[in-house]
Protein backbone atom coordinates (compact mmCIF):
# COMPACT_ATOMS: atom_id res chain seq x y z
CA UNK A 1 92.56 98.06 80.73
CA UNK A 2 93.84 94.40 81.78
CA UNK A 3 93.85 93.65 85.67
CA UNK A 4 97.68 92.41 86.14
CA UNK A 5 96.30 90.34 88.84
CA UNK A 6 93.89 88.49 86.57
CA UNK A 7 96.67 88.16 83.69
CA UNK A 8 98.88 86.87 86.40
CA UNK A 9 95.95 84.18 87.57
CA UNK A 10 95.40 83.08 84.06
CA UNK A 11 99.17 82.44 82.66
CA UNK A 12 99.61 78.78 82.08
CA UNK A 13 103.78 78.92 81.13
CA UNK A 14 104.82 75.53 82.00
CA UNK A 15 104.92 72.22 79.97
CA UNK A 16 103.09 70.20 83.02
CA UNK A 17 100.46 73.45 82.81
CA UNK A 18 102.06 75.00 85.61
CA UNK A 19 99.83 78.31 86.73
CA UNK A 20 98.70 80.47 89.64
CA UNK A 21 95.98 78.41 90.61
CA UNK A 22 98.23 75.36 91.10
CA UNK A 23 98.69 73.78 94.61
CA UNK A 24 101.19 71.35 95.35
CA UNK A 25 102.30 72.70 98.70
CA UNK A 26 101.80 69.96 100.41
CA UNK A 27 104.09 67.69 98.27
CA UNK A 28 106.76 70.63 98.62
CA UNK A 29 106.63 70.73 102.01
CA UNK A 30 106.96 67.15 102.31
CA UNK A 31 109.67 66.84 100.27
CA UNK A 32 111.83 69.57 101.42
CA UNK A 33 111.48 68.00 105.08
CA UNK A 34 112.94 64.94 103.56
CA UNK A 35 115.71 66.43 101.65
CA UNK A 36 116.65 69.22 104.18
CA UNK A 37 119.69 67.67 105.36
CA UNK A 38 121.37 67.42 102.15
CA UNK A 39 119.78 70.89 100.99
CA UNK A 40 121.20 72.74 103.85
CA UNK A 41 124.64 71.22 103.11
CA UNK A 42 124.91 72.25 99.27
CA UNK A 43 123.77 75.45 100.23
CA UNK A 44 126.20 75.84 103.00
CA UNK A 45 129.04 74.90 100.30
CA UNK A 46 127.93 77.39 97.71
CA UNK A 47 130.17 80.12 99.54
CA UNK A 48 127.44 82.51 100.54
CA UNK A 49 128.62 85.57 102.36
CA UNK A 50 126.72 88.27 104.37
CA UNK A 51 125.56 91.19 102.41
CA UNK A 52 124.78 88.78 99.71
CA UNK A 53 121.27 89.70 97.97
CA UNK A 54 119.67 86.14 96.88
CA UNK A 55 116.92 84.81 94.74
CA UNK A 56 114.95 81.85 94.59
CA UNK A 57 113.39 81.29 91.65
CA UNK A 58 110.17 79.23 92.13
CA UNK A 59 110.76 79.10 95.95
CA UNK A 60 107.59 77.04 96.25
CA UNK A 61 106.42 76.83 100.08
CA UNK A 62 109.70 78.56 101.10
CA UNK A 63 111.81 76.53 103.30
CA UNK A 64 114.97 77.36 101.55
CA UNK A 65 114.39 81.13 102.14
CA UNK A 66 115.65 80.47 105.66
CA UNK A 67 118.26 78.34 104.89
CA UNK A 68 119.96 80.93 102.31
CA UNK A 69 119.36 83.71 105.09
CA UNK A 70 121.24 82.21 107.33
CA UNK A 71 124.60 82.38 104.83
CA UNK A 72 123.84 85.99 104.55
CA UNK A 73 122.78 87.44 107.59
CA UNK A 74 122.68 90.08 109.13
CA UNK A 75 122.98 92.67 106.30
CA UNK A 76 122.37 90.40 103.74
CA UNK A 77 118.38 89.66 101.85
CA UNK A 78 116.92 86.78 100.15
CA UNK A 79 113.69 87.31 97.77
CA UNK A 80 111.54 84.39 96.90
CA UNK A 81 109.01 84.02 94.22
CA UNK A 82 106.96 81.84 93.01
CA UNK A 83 104.20 81.67 90.08
CA UNK A 84 101.39 79.70 92.48
CA UNK A 85 99.35 81.87 94.80
CA UNK A 86 99.23 78.79 97.41
CA UNK A 87 102.80 78.49 97.25
CA UNK A 88 103.43 82.34 97.86
CA UNK A 89 100.78 82.05 100.93
CA UNK A 90 102.83 79.27 102.46
CA UNK A 91 106.28 80.54 101.68
CA UNK A 92 105.33 84.10 103.49
CA UNK A 93 105.49 82.31 107.01
CA UNK A 94 109.19 82.60 106.65
CA UNK A 95 108.94 86.19 105.50
CA UNK A 96 110.20 88.81 107.75
CA UNK A 97 113.68 91.02 108.41
CA UNK A 98 115.88 89.89 105.24
CA UNK A 99 113.30 87.74 103.29
CA UNK A 100 110.82 88.89 100.94
CA UNK A 101 108.23 86.61 98.99
CA UNK A 102 106.69 87.84 95.68
CA UNK A 103 104.22 86.18 93.41
CA UNK A 104 105.58 85.89 89.76
CA UNK A 105 107.04 84.36 86.94
CA UNK A 106 110.30 83.01 85.68
CA UNK A 107 109.39 84.66 82.47
CA UNK A 108 108.80 88.13 83.98
CA UNK A 109 110.45 88.13 86.90
CA UNK A 110 109.73 90.26 89.82
CA UNK A 111 113.16 91.49 90.74
CA UNK A 112 115.01 94.41 88.74
CA UNK A 113 117.86 93.34 86.68
CA UNK A 114 121.44 93.27 87.88
CA UNK A 115 120.56 93.43 91.30
CA UNK A 116 121.03 89.96 92.67
CA UNK A 117 124.11 88.03 93.75
CA UNK A 118 123.22 84.65 93.80
CA UNK A 119 120.44 82.87 92.47
CA UNK A 120 119.03 79.52 94.23
CA UNK A 121 116.49 77.48 91.73
CA UNK A 122 115.59 74.06 92.54
CA UNK A 123 113.21 71.52 90.56
CA UNK A 124 111.88 74.45 88.65
CA UNK A 125 113.10 75.16 85.12
CA UNK A 126 112.38 71.31 84.25
CA UNK A 127 108.66 72.36 84.35
CA UNK A 128 109.25 75.40 81.74
CA UNK A 129 108.46 74.76 77.83
CA UNK A 130 111.74 76.26 77.14
CA UNK A 131 114.31 76.01 80.03
CA UNK A 132 117.24 77.79 78.35
CA UNK A 133 114.79 80.64 77.96
CA UNK A 134 113.83 80.86 81.73
CA UNK A 135 117.38 80.53 82.40
CA UNK A 136 118.50 83.37 80.13
CA UNK A 137 115.99 85.43 81.90
CA UNK A 138 116.75 84.48 85.42
CA UNK A 139 120.54 85.20 84.38
CA UNK A 140 119.90 89.12 83.91
CA UNK A 141 118.90 89.27 87.42
CA UNK A 142 122.63 88.64 88.34
CA UNK A 143 124.95 91.61 88.95
CA UNK A 144 128.79 90.90 87.34
CA UNK A 145 130.12 87.48 88.21
CA UNK A 146 127.10 86.71 89.93
CA UNK A 147 126.06 82.99 90.29
CA UNK A 148 123.35 80.51 89.62
CA UNK A 149 122.65 77.29 90.90
CA UNK A 150 119.95 75.20 89.47
CA UNK A 151 118.98 71.81 91.42
CA UNK A 152 117.12 69.00 90.10
CA UNK A 153 116.45 65.92 91.94
CA UNK A 154 115.71 61.95 90.20
CA UNK A 155 118.18 62.70 87.85
CA UNK A 156 118.96 58.81 87.87
CA UNK A 157 116.05 56.38 88.32
CA UNK A 158 115.35 56.13 92.02
CA UNK A 159 115.70 52.99 94.21
CA UNK A 160 112.46 52.12 96.22
CA UNK A 161 112.69 48.10 96.40
CA UNK A 162 116.27 46.83 96.94
CA UNK A 163 114.90 43.21 96.99
CA UNK A 164 112.78 43.91 93.60
CA UNK A 165 114.63 45.67 90.99
CA UNK A 166 112.24 44.76 87.93
CA UNK A 167 109.23 46.10 89.81
CA UNK A 168 110.95 49.18 90.25
CA UNK A 169 111.56 49.35 86.65
CA UNK A 170 108.17 48.77 85.47
CA UNK A 171 106.40 51.18 88.16
CA UNK A 172 108.85 53.84 86.90
CA UNK A 173 108.04 53.22 83.60
CA UNK A 174 104.36 53.38 84.21
CA UNK A 175 104.68 56.56 85.77
CA UNK A 176 106.37 58.16 82.66
CA UNK A 177 103.97 56.35 80.55
CA UNK A 178 101.28 58.19 82.93
CA UNK A 179 102.51 61.51 82.82
CA UNK A 180 103.23 61.16 78.85
CA UNK A 181 99.48 60.76 78.18
CA UNK A 182 98.41 62.98 80.98
CA UNK A 183 99.97 66.18 79.57
CA UNK A 184 100.11 64.98 75.70
CA UNK A 185 104.31 64.79 75.92
CA UNK A 186 106.70 62.50 74.61
CA UNK A 187 110.40 61.28 75.66
CA UNK A 188 112.01 64.60 74.01
CA UNK A 189 110.01 66.91 76.05
CA UNK A 190 111.28 65.70 79.16
CA UNK A 191 114.76 65.99 78.05
CA UNK A 192 115.69 69.38 80.10
CA UNK A 193 115.30 67.40 83.39
CA UNK A 194 119.01 66.21 82.44
CA UNK A 195 120.37 69.21 80.70
CA UNK A 196 121.20 71.53 83.40
CA UNK A 197 125.17 71.47 82.33
CA UNK A 198 124.08 72.45 78.53
CA UNK A 199 121.49 74.99 79.45
CA UNK A 200 123.80 76.69 81.89
CA UNK A 201 126.30 76.86 79.16
CA UNK A 202 123.97 77.65 76.19
CA UNK A 203 122.96 80.86 78.35
CA UNK A 204 126.70 81.89 78.48
CA UNK A 205 127.49 81.10 82.14
CA UNK A 206 131.20 80.30 82.84
CA UNK A 207 132.90 78.39 85.10
CA UNK A 208 130.12 75.52 84.77
CA UNK A 209 130.49 72.88 87.61
CA UNK A 210 128.18 70.09 88.87
CA UNK A 211 127.84 67.43 91.63
CA UNK A 212 125.40 64.58 92.28
CA UNK A 213 124.59 63.36 95.82
CA UNK A 214 122.53 60.68 96.88
CA UNK A 215 119.94 61.22 99.63
CA UNK A 216 119.86 57.55 100.95
CA UNK A 217 117.49 56.33 103.40
CA UNK A 218 117.43 52.74 105.43
CA UNK A 219 115.04 51.40 107.84
CA UNK A 220 114.02 52.57 110.27
CA UNK A 221 113.34 55.56 108.72
CA UNK A 222 112.88 59.03 110.29
CA UNK A 223 109.29 60.78 110.00
CA UNK A 224 109.77 63.13 107.72
CA UNK A 225 110.95 60.43 104.94
CA UNK A 226 108.38 57.97 106.00
CA UNK A 227 106.01 60.52 105.34
CA UNK A 228 107.29 61.64 101.99
CA UNK A 229 107.41 58.15 100.52
CA UNK A 230 104.36 57.07 102.03
CA UNK A 231 102.06 60.12 100.96
CA UNK A 232 103.62 61.83 98.13
CA UNK A 233 105.25 58.88 96.04
CA UNK A 234 103.36 55.60 97.36
CA UNK A 235 100.03 57.66 97.23
CA UNK A 236 99.72 60.51 95.31
CA UNK A 237 102.98 59.76 92.70
CA UNK A 238 102.00 55.98 92.14
CA UNK A 239 98.37 54.83 93.47
CA UNK A 240 95.41 54.22 91.37
CA UNK A 241 96.68 55.86 88.30
CA UNK A 242 98.97 53.55 87.27
CA UNK A 243 96.69 50.44 87.46
CA UNK A 244 96.07 51.12 83.42
CA UNK A 245 100.31 50.80 83.10
CA UNK A 246 101.10 47.61 84.75
CA UNK A 247 100.57 43.79 84.67
CA UNK A 248 97.50 43.05 87.39
CA UNK A 249 99.75 40.82 89.34
CA UNK A 250 102.57 43.79 89.17
CA UNK A 251 99.75 46.18 90.26
CA UNK A 252 98.56 44.27 93.00
CA UNK A 253 102.35 43.70 94.60
CA UNK A 254 103.14 47.10 94.44
CA UNK A 255 98.97 47.93 96.46
CA UNK A 256 100.69 45.47 98.58
CA UNK A 257 103.95 47.08 99.37
CA UNK A 258 102.53 50.77 99.37
CA UNK A 259 99.95 50.22 102.22
CA UNK A 260 100.81 50.62 105.74
CA UNK A 261 97.75 48.19 106.97
CA UNK A 262 99.83 45.19 105.04
CA UNK A 263 101.88 42.98 106.63
CA UNK A 264 104.58 43.66 103.65
CA UNK A 265 104.39 47.44 103.57
CA UNK A 266 107.81 48.24 102.28
CA UNK A 267 108.76 50.96 104.74
CA UNK A 268 108.19 48.55 107.65
CA UNK A 269 110.52 46.16 106.01
CA UNK A 270 114.34 45.69 107.73
CA UNK A 271 115.52 45.40 104.28
CA UNK A 272 114.08 48.56 103.12
CA UNK A 273 116.77 50.94 101.64
CA UNK A 274 115.99 54.00 99.38
CA UNK A 275 118.19 56.05 97.13
CA UNK A 276 117.32 59.20 95.22
CA UNK A 277 119.55 61.31 93.48
CA UNK A 278 119.97 65.52 93.65
CA UNK A 279 122.17 67.05 91.27
CA UNK A 280 123.38 70.84 91.84
CA UNK A 281 124.55 72.57 88.55
CA UNK A 282 126.09 76.13 89.26
CA UNK A 283 127.57 78.86 86.81
CA UNK A 284 128.78 82.18 86.86
CA UNK A 285 127.56 85.07 84.37
């Protein structure tokens, strides 16, 4: 007989090789700390009401669980689920009365069909090999007139170096080429990142609306923003891995700007100005 837990642990469903064993917990925590003001504001504008039952699909490390529960307490409830075991462990720190965290896959959501009023799903469906199929499966969880909110960060290219748009451009292109090579992807494989509206409509959602906001920061930076940029972007997304994809002089300049010990460290510059977009598409079933 097949062991369900072992089957889940072995499952790999994502475009980027998502599996139960992956662990992006530190990156997710850093992004959520950086983006908390904007994400909480968006959640507050969703018109959620006391008593609603909510799912956070692909809940990651779980920070949004408490933000969602704030909108529906005391009689409402929130269920978060994620495929990655490390993320589930982290998210369970937020579990308690009204908040439940489960390990599960978007392809087989661990929630009863027709039992949910609202689904929150951020930076998740773009990792699926078939985002439309994932959205369609999630839609079965909703009650009549239930709603889904699909969020995606960085729909438009970020601005990191206000004083050098050329270096931004070649760095962003180097990142794209690195990920294409690492995961054997082409440009068309990544198109779902910008297809939130079309996928919601194709999944038979009505009253589809979309809003894009800017997460904008300037020097001097708050601690959460500096940690997110320094560790998640400068080190873990860029770093040594980009050397083969950049001209030597561009890589040397990037290293200087990303080095906290260097006098040119970007985050210490008085003219540092950072922009990142976040897009939220919503629809009703």
